């Protein structure tokens, strides 16, 4: 029997997050292990009067491609995904895994080539999202593998996932609307700023944000949600940043990442573990060694690192920056086949100033700044 919270999640995704309308084309995609989620979402979107098409992926098939495809084939685009994204009005995705370490033995160079091959659909997605022609939301379907990666039982992980999405509330959509109102105050304030200065242990970096649009992440695009972000000036970032938690890419961990940045370009990168993959990813393409996002996590219901960036980047009291593709809707100009978020803990003495004014300390916004 399905967890009743799954049906509740489907209703929120269809009616609140993506606001599906009668006659729209809704594309639903997930790994086969998330079939119960696919059914729940497809059922709800169909009830809303949408035309629904489903695509199930397979970790095993993807593993076979990464192992045995030629280099040229790895760089070839995903034709079905590209065609779907050219046509869809709404795209709903769930992340779920049977085995989070399935790519552990795949060489870094082949992961880089595969990332290059994803550039086609990523550009279609970015362009259509920026123009408002596509609405997308991604979420998590709890599995044993993902629970194990988070060091939880499946039952505890389900409680964590659904609790982070406020699905334990009588009216989750109303709860997310309150989150939206609170965050919107900071979005409007940050929209007027030109530069951020982020300081924490091992981090002292200035990030140009002049003319950029800050985005209020309130459950419309990611679910669960809880962050405010923008795409920075990709040539106006200087200093160094140390990421407090491992960077996760294609199931592989890179620990102790430290980046030195000059005029937006990563000029030196080191890691205690996984540096070969780090260096390979930075060479994915011209945009991979520049930043596409800077953000502040605001979901204080998420307080533990789970090795899943959907949740980890939302941890209340953290900042994250992403190498690679920027968001056109935020005014971003950087293009890359990768978009890789990495996390910096601000809860022990971290500060952020905007145009010289302190507005964030020890992992929390200073509300008095808005008075």
Protein backbone atom coordinates (compact mmCIF):
# COMPACT_ATOMS: atom_id res chain seq x y z
CA UNK A 1 0.00 0.00 0.00
CA UNK A 2 1.31 3.44 -0.90
CA UNK A 3 2.23 5.91 1.81
CA UNK A 4 -0.67 8.43 1.88
CA UNK A 5 1.95 11.20 1.98
CA UNK A 6 2.88 10.20 -1.57
CA UNK A 7 -0.58 11.15 -2.83
CA UNK A 8 -0.31 14.36 -0.83
CA UNK A 9 3.03 15.08 -2.51
CA UNK A 10 1.51 14.48 -5.95
CA UNK A 11 -1.27 16.96 -5.25
CA UNK A 12 1.20 19.64 -4.12
CA UNK A 13 3.45 19.11 -7.16
CA UNK A 14 0.59 19.26 -9.65
CA UNK A 15 -1.58 21.99 -8.13
CA UNK A 16 0.87 24.20 -6.19
CA UNK A 17 4.36 23.72 -7.61
CA UNK A 18 3.62 23.57 -11.34
CA UNK A 19 -0.03 24.72 -11.44
CA UNK A 20 -1.04 22.22 -14.12
CA UNK A 21 -3.92 23.36 -16.32
CA UNK A 22 -6.39 21.44 -18.45
CA UNK A 23 -4.99 20.58 -21.86
CA UNK A 24 -1.32 21.08 -20.95
CA UNK A 25 1.38 18.56 -21.84
CA UNK A 26 2.92 17.15 -18.66
CA UNK A 27 6.13 15.12 -18.95
CA UNK A 28 6.87 12.83 -15.97
CA UNK A 29 10.32 11.24 -15.64
CA UNK A 30 12.01 9.13 -12.97
CA UNK A 31 14.02 5.96 -12.48
CA UNK A 32 12.03 2.74 -12.52
CA UNK A 33 12.48 2.36 -8.76
CA UNK A 34 10.26 5.44 -8.34
CA UNK A 35 7.33 3.90 -10.24
CA UNK A 36 4.88 4.47 -7.33
CA UNK A 37 5.67 8.20 -7.48
CA UNK A 38 5.24 8.24 -11.26
CA UNK A 39 1.82 6.62 -10.97
CA UNK A 40 0.67 9.04 -8.24
CA UNK A 41 1.79 12.12 -10.19
CA UNK A 42 0.47 10.88 -13.55
CA UNK A 43 -2.89 10.11 -11.95
CA UNK A 44 -3.17 13.55 -10.34
CA UNK A 45 -2.09 15.43 -13.49
CA UNK A 46 -4.52 13.40 -15.62
CA UNK A 47 -7.33 14.23 -13.20
CA UNK A 48 -6.41 17.88 -13.70
CA UNK A 49 -7.11 17.44 -17.41
CA UNK A 50 -3.51 17.30 -18.65
CA UNK A 51 -2.02 15.19 -21.42
CA UNK A 52 0.56 13.08 -19.55
CA UNK A 53 3.52 11.16 -20.96
CA UNK A 54 5.92 9.13 -18.85
CA UNK A 55 9.60 8.19 -19.25
CA UNK A 56 11.22 5.65 -16.92
CA UNK A 57 15.02 5.56 -16.78
CA UNK A 58 17.23 2.69 -15.62
CA UNK A 59 20.43 2.87 -13.58
CA UNK A 60 21.57 -0.42 -15.09
CA UNK A 61 21.08 0.83 -18.66
CA UNK A 62 22.89 4.07 -17.85
CA UNK A 63 25.75 2.11 -16.29
CA UNK A 64 26.06 -0.01 -19.43
CA UNK A 65 26.24 3.09 -21.60
CA UNK A 66 28.91 4.68 -19.40
CA UNK A 67 30.98 1.49 -19.49
CA UNK A 68 30.73 0.44 -23.12
CA UNK A 69 29.79 3.44 -25.31
CA UNK A 70 32.45 5.04 -27.48
CA UNK A 71 33.73 8.47 -26.52
CA UNK A 72 31.77 9.99 -29.41
CA UNK A 73 28.59 8.22 -28.37
CA UNK A 74 28.95 9.51 -24.80
CA UNK A 75 28.99 13.05 -26.18
CA UNK A 76 25.81 12.41 -28.18
CA UNK A 77 22.66 14.03 -26.82
CA UNK A 78 19.62 12.37 -25.28
CA UNK A 79 17.21 12.66 -28.21
CA UNK A 80 14.05 11.59 -26.40
CA UNK A 81 14.65 13.96 -23.52
CA UNK A 82 15.44 16.84 -25.88
CA UNK A 83 12.23 16.28 -27.88
CA UNK A 84 10.12 16.02 -24.75
CA UNK A 85 11.54 19.25 -23.34
CA UNK A 86 10.94 21.07 -26.63
CA UNK A 87 7.24 20.20 -26.38
CA UNK A 88 6.28 19.93 -22.69
CA UNK A 89 4.50 22.66 -20.73
CA UNK A 90 5.38 21.00 -17.42
CA UNK A 91 8.20 18.61 -16.47
CA UNK A 92 8.01 16.70 -13.19
CA UNK A 93 11.04 14.70 -12.03
CA UNK A 94 11.76 12.45 -9.06
CA UNK A 95 15.25 11.43 -8.02
CA UNK A 96 15.56 7.90 -6.67
CA UNK A 97 18.24 5.23 -6.68
CA UNK A 98 18.58 1.48 -6.31
CA UNK A 99 22.33 1.91 -5.85
CA UNK A 100 23.89 5.30 -5.11
CA UNK A 101 27.37 3.91 -5.86
CA UNK A 102 26.52 2.56 -9.29
CA UNK A 103 29.04 4.90 -10.96
CA UNK A 104 31.84 4.39 -8.45
CA UNK A 105 34.08 2.54 -10.91
CA UNK A 106 33.37 4.78 -13.92
CA UNK A 107 36.51 6.79 -14.86
CA UNK A 108 36.26 10.55 -14.32
CA UNK A 109 37.00 11.23 -17.99
CA UNK A 110 33.97 9.23 -19.11
CA UNK A 111 31.72 11.09 -16.67
CA UNK A 112 33.04 14.33 -18.16
CA UNK A 113 32.23 13.18 -21.70
CA UNK A 114 28.75 12.14 -20.61
CA UNK A 115 28.23 15.55 -18.99
CA UNK A 116 29.12 17.18 -22.31
CA UNK A 117 26.47 15.05 -23.99
CA UNK A 118 23.83 16.37 -21.59
CA UNK A 119 24.46 19.92 -22.75
CA UNK A 120 21.76 19.75 -25.44
CA UNK A 121 18.79 19.09 -23.21
CA UNK A 122 20.17 21.36 -20.50
CA UNK A 123 20.19 24.29 -22.93
CA UNK A 124 16.62 23.58 -24.05
CA UNK A 125 15.58 23.34 -20.40
CA UNK A 126 17.37 26.57 -19.41
CA UNK A 127 16.05 28.57 -22.35
CA UNK A 128 12.44 27.43 -21.97
CA UNK A 129 12.47 27.89 -18.19
CA UNK A 130 13.83 31.43 -18.64
CA UNK A 131 11.15 32.28 -21.20
CA UNK A 132 8.37 30.87 -19.01
CA UNK A 133 7.38 28.29 -21.62
CA UNK A 134 8.37 25.39 -19.34
CA UNK A 135 7.55 24.82 -15.68
CA UNK A 136 9.64 22.20 -13.86
CA UNK A 137 9.78 20.73 -10.40
CA UNK A 138 12.08 18.03 -9.07
CA UNK A 139 11.57 16.03 -5.89
CA UNK A 140 12.78 12.93 -4.04
CA UNK A 141 11.19 9.49 -3.86
CA UNK A 142 12.55 7.67 -0.78
CA UNK A 143 14.33 4.38 -1.45
CA UNK A 144 16.39 1.98 0.64
CA UNK A 145 19.56 3.05 -1.18
CA UNK A 146 18.97 6.76 -0.57
CA UNK A 147 18.07 6.07 3.07
CA UNK A 148 21.27 4.09 3.52
CA UNK A 149 23.32 6.90 1.97
CA UNK A 150 21.77 9.27 4.51
CA UNK A 151 22.55 6.84 7.37
CA UNK A 152 18.85 6.31 8.13
CA UNK A 153 16.34 3.51 8.09
CA UNK A 154 13.80 3.73 5.26
CA UNK A 155 11.04 4.69 7.70
CA UNK A 156 13.15 7.48 9.21
CA UNK A 157 14.20 8.67 5.76
CA UNK A 158 10.58 8.79 4.59
CA UNK A 159 9.74 10.91 7.65
CA UNK A 160 12.71 13.15 6.86
CA UNK A 161 11.81 13.58 3.16
CA UNK A 162 8.11 14.22 3.69
CA UNK A 163 8.71 16.34 6.78
CA UNK A 164 11.15 18.59 4.89
CA UNK A 165 8.37 19.14 2.36
CA UNK A 166 5.91 20.16 5.10
CA UNK A 167 3.68 17.26 4.04
CA UNK A 168 2.91 16.60 7.71
CA UNK A 169 0.90 19.85 7.69
CA UNK A 170 -2.86 19.82 7.11
CA UNK A 171 -2.39 22.18 4.17
CA UNK A 172 1.17 21.95 2.80
CA UNK A 173 0.51 24.46 0.02
CA UNK A 174 -0.61 27.08 2.55
CA UNK A 175 2.51 26.40 4.61
CA UNK A 176 4.73 26.94 1.58
CA UNK A 177 2.94 30.18 0.78
CA UNK A 178 3.99 31.46 4.23
CA UNK A 179 7.59 30.43 3.50
CA UNK A 180 7.34 32.31 0.22
CA UNK A 181 6.15 35.51 1.88
CA UNK A 182 8.98 35.43 4.43
CA UNK A 183 11.68 34.83 1.82
CA UNK A 184 10.29 37.43 -0.58
CA UNK A 185 11.31 40.21 1.79
CA UNK A 186 14.95 39.17 1.49
CA UNK A 187 14.72 38.64 -2.27
CA UNK A 188 13.53 42.23 -2.76
CA UNK A 189 16.29 43.56 -0.49
CA UNK A 190 19.03 41.55 -2.20
CA UNK A 191 17.80 42.61 -5.65
CA UNK A 192 19.12 46.09 -4.88
CA UNK A 193 22.66 44.98 -3.96
CA UNK A 194 25.84 44.92 -6.04
CA UNK A 195 28.25 42.69 -4.12
CA UNK A 196 28.33 39.99 -1.46
CA UNK A 197 31.26 39.25 0.86
CA UNK A 198 31.08 35.71 2.28
CA UNK A 199 33.38 34.78 5.18
CA UNK A 200 33.59 31.50 7.10
CA UNK A 201 36.24 28.98 8.07
CA UNK A 202 38.53 28.63 5.04
CA UNK A 203 36.40 31.03 3.00
CA UNK A 204 36.79 34.69 2.10
CA UNK A 205 35.18 35.48 -1.22
CA UNK A 206 33.44 38.45 -2.86
CA UNK A 207 30.69 37.77 -5.38
CA UNK A 208 29.36 40.38 -7.80
CA UNK A 209 25.58 40.35 -8.10
CA UNK A 210 24.89 43.75 -9.67
CA UNK A 211 21.83 43.71 -11.88
CA UNK A 212 21.00 40.11 -11.06
CA UNK A 213 17.59 38.82 -10.04
CA UNK A 214 17.30 36.90 -6.78
CA UNK A 215 14.92 33.94 -6.90
CA UNK A 216 12.55 32.95 -4.10
CA UNK A 217 12.67 29.14 -3.86
CA UNK A 218 9.36 28.30 -2.25
CA UNK A 219 8.48 24.83 -3.50
CA UNK A 220 7.71 25.81 -7.09
CA UNK A 221 10.85 24.37 -8.70
CA UNK A 222 12.49 22.09 -6.12
CA UNK A 223 10.44 20.18 -3.60
CA UNK A 224 11.18 20.32 -0.76
CA UNK A 225 12.60 23.78 -1.05
CA UNK A 226 13.99 26.60 1.04
CA UNK A 227 16.64 28.88 -0.43
CA UNK A 228 17.19 32.21 -2.13
CA UNK A 229 19.64 32.28 -5.02
CA UNK A 230 20.93 34.24 -7.97
CA UNK A 231 23.35 33.70 -10.83
CA UNK A 232 26.36 35.95 -10.09
CA UNK A 233 28.43 38.08 -12.42
CA UNK A 234 30.54 35.27 -13.81
CA UNK A 235 33.63 37.48 -14.26
CA UNK A 236 33.34 39.34 -10.94
CA UNK A 237 34.13 36.78 -8.23
CA UNK A 238 37.37 36.89 -6.28
CA UNK A 239 38.87 35.12 -3.28
CA UNK A 240 38.76 31.56 -2.01
CA UNK A 241 36.09 29.20 -0.77
CA UNK A 242 36.30 25.92 1.14
CA UNK A 243 33.34 23.59 0.99
CA UNK A 244 32.43 22.12 4.37
CA UNK A 245 30.84 18.92 3.12
CA UNK A 246 31.77 16.50 0.33
CA UNK A 247 30.84 17.50 -3.18
CA UNK A 248 28.73 14.74 -4.75
CA UNK A 249 28.82 14.19 -8.50
CA UNK A 250 27.28 11.13 -10.23
CA UNK A 251 27.38 9.28 -6.91
CA UNK A 252 31.06 10.01 -6.30
CA UNK A 253 32.31 12.03 -3.33
CA UNK A 254 34.97 14.71 -3.48
CA UNK A 255 36.11 15.78 -0.01
CA UNK A 256 37.85 18.91 1.24
CA UNK A 257 37.28 21.01 -1.88
CA UNK A 258 39.04 24.38 -1.88
CA UNK A 259 38.82 26.76 -4.83
CA UNK A 260 40.77 29.93 -5.52
CA UNK A 261 38.98 32.33 -7.84
CA UNK A 262 40.19 35.34 -9.82
CA UNK A 263 37.82 37.42 -11.94
CA UNK A 264 35.27 34.62 -11.75
CA UNK A 265 37.60 31.89 -12.99
CA UNK A 266 38.76 29.00 -10.80
CA UNK A 267 42.55 29.32 -10.98
CA UNK A 268 43.42 26.67 -8.40
CA UNK A 269 41.44 23.69 -7.14
CA UNK A 270 42.41 21.11 -4.54
CA UNK A 271 40.67 18.29 -2.67
CA UNK A 272 41.67 15.79 0.00
CA UNK A 273 39.85 13.01 -1.83
CA UNK A 274 38.62 12.75 -5.41
CA UNK A 275 40.78 15.54 -6.85
CA UNK A 276 41.06 13.72 -10.19
CA UNK A 277 37.30 13.98 -10.70
CA UNK A 278 37.32 17.61 -9.53
CA UNK A 279 39.96 18.52 -12.12
CA UNK A 280 38.12 16.60 -14.85
CA UNK A 281 34.83 18.35 -14.13
CA UNK A 282 36.48 21.78 -14.21
CA UNK A 283 37.62 20.92 -17.76
CA UNK A 284 34.18 19.76 -18.94
CA UNK A 285 33.84 22.90 -21.05
CA UNK A 286 34.68 26.60 -20.95
CA UNK A 287 31.91 27.43 -18.49
CA UNK A 288 32.64 24.64 -16.00
CA UNK A 289 35.35 26.60 -14.19
CA UNK A 290 33.06 29.57 -13.53
CA UNK A 291 30.11 29.88 -11.15
CA UNK A 292 26.49 29.74 -12.20
CA UNK A 293 24.85 30.19 -8.79
CA UNK A 294 25.26 31.61 -5.31
CA UNK A 295 22.58 30.84 -2.72
CA UNK A 296 21.57 30.82 0.94
CA UNK A 297 19.81 27.77 2.41
CA UNK A 298 16.72 28.64 4.47
CA UNK A 299 15.02 25.35 5.39
CA UNK A 300 15.77 25.01 9.10
CA UNK A 301 13.76 21.78 9.14
CA UNK A 302 16.78 20.26 7.36
CA UNK A 303 19.76 20.17 9.72
CA UNK A 304 21.75 17.10 8.70
CA UNK A 305 23.91 16.31 5.67
CA UNK A 306 22.40 13.42 3.69
CA UNK A 307 24.67 13.34 0.60
CA UNK A 308 21.66 14.46 -1.43
CA UNK A 309 21.97 18.03 -2.68
CA UNK A 310 18.21 18.43 -3.09
CA UNK A 311 18.11 18.55 0.71
CA UNK A 312 21.66 19.54 1.60
CA UNK A 313 21.66 22.80 -0.35
CA UNK A 314 18.55 23.84 1.60
CA UNK A 315 20.08 23.28 5.05
CA UNK A 316 19.23 26.33 7.11
CA UNK A 317 22.49 28.10 7.96
CA UNK A 318 24.46 27.24 4.84
CA UNK A 319 25.60 28.88 1.62
CA UNK A 320 26.14 27.03 -1.61
CA UNK A 321 27.79 27.93 -4.88
CA UNK A 322 27.47 25.98 -8.10
CA UNK A 323 30.08 25.60 -10.78
CA UNK A 324 28.81 25.63 -14.34
CA UNK A 325 25.51 26.49 -15.92
CA UNK A 326 23.73 29.59 -14.69
CA UNK A 327 20.03 30.40 -14.59
CA UNK A 328 18.88 32.77 -17.27
CA UNK A 329 15.83 33.73 -15.19
CA UNK A 330 18.26 35.18 -12.61
CA UNK A 331 20.23 37.05 -15.26
CA UNK A 332 22.96 34.42 -15.58
CA UNK A 333 25.25 34.41 -18.61
CA UNK A 334 27.48 31.38 -17.96
CA UNK A 335 26.80 28.23 -19.99
CA UNK A 336 28.04 24.74 -19.23
CA UNK A 337 27.01 21.10 -19.47
CA UNK A 338 27.34 20.83 -15.68
CA UNK A 339 25.65 22.57 -12.78
CA UNK A 340 27.34 21.33 -9.61
CA UNK A 341 26.31 22.64 -6.19
CA UNK A 342 28.74 22.62 -3.27
CA UNK A 343 27.99 23.52 0.31
CA UNK A 344 29.62 25.86 2.86
CA UNK A 345 28.50 25.78 6.53
CA UNK A 346 27.96 29.26 8.01
CA UNK A 347 26.60 28.28 11.42
CA UNK A 348 29.83 28.72 13.40
CA UNK A 349 30.83 32.34 12.93
CA UNK A 350 30.03 32.74 9.23
CA UNK A 351 29.02 36.18 7.95
CA UNK A 352 27.67 37.72 4.75
CA UNK A 353 27.67 41.42 4.00
CA UNK A 354 25.96 43.07 1.04
CA UNK A 355 27.48 46.33 -0.19
CA UNK A 356 29.28 46.52 3.16
CA UNK A 357 26.19 45.93 5.33
CA UNK A 358 26.10 42.84 7.57
CA UNK A 359 22.81 41.01 7.03
CA UNK A 360 23.65 37.37 7.86
CA UNK A 361 25.53 35.93 10.83
CA UNK A 362 26.01 32.47 12.34
CA UNK A 363 23.72 30.90 9.76
CA UNK A 364 20.78 33.27 10.15
CA UNK A 365 19.43 36.39 8.49
CA UNK A 366 19.44 39.51 10.67
CA UNK A 367 15.78 40.54 10.46
CA UNK A 368 16.47 43.98 11.92
CA UNK A 369 18.21 44.91 8.65
CA UNK A 370 14.82 44.96 6.93
CA UNK A 371 13.22 47.32 9.46
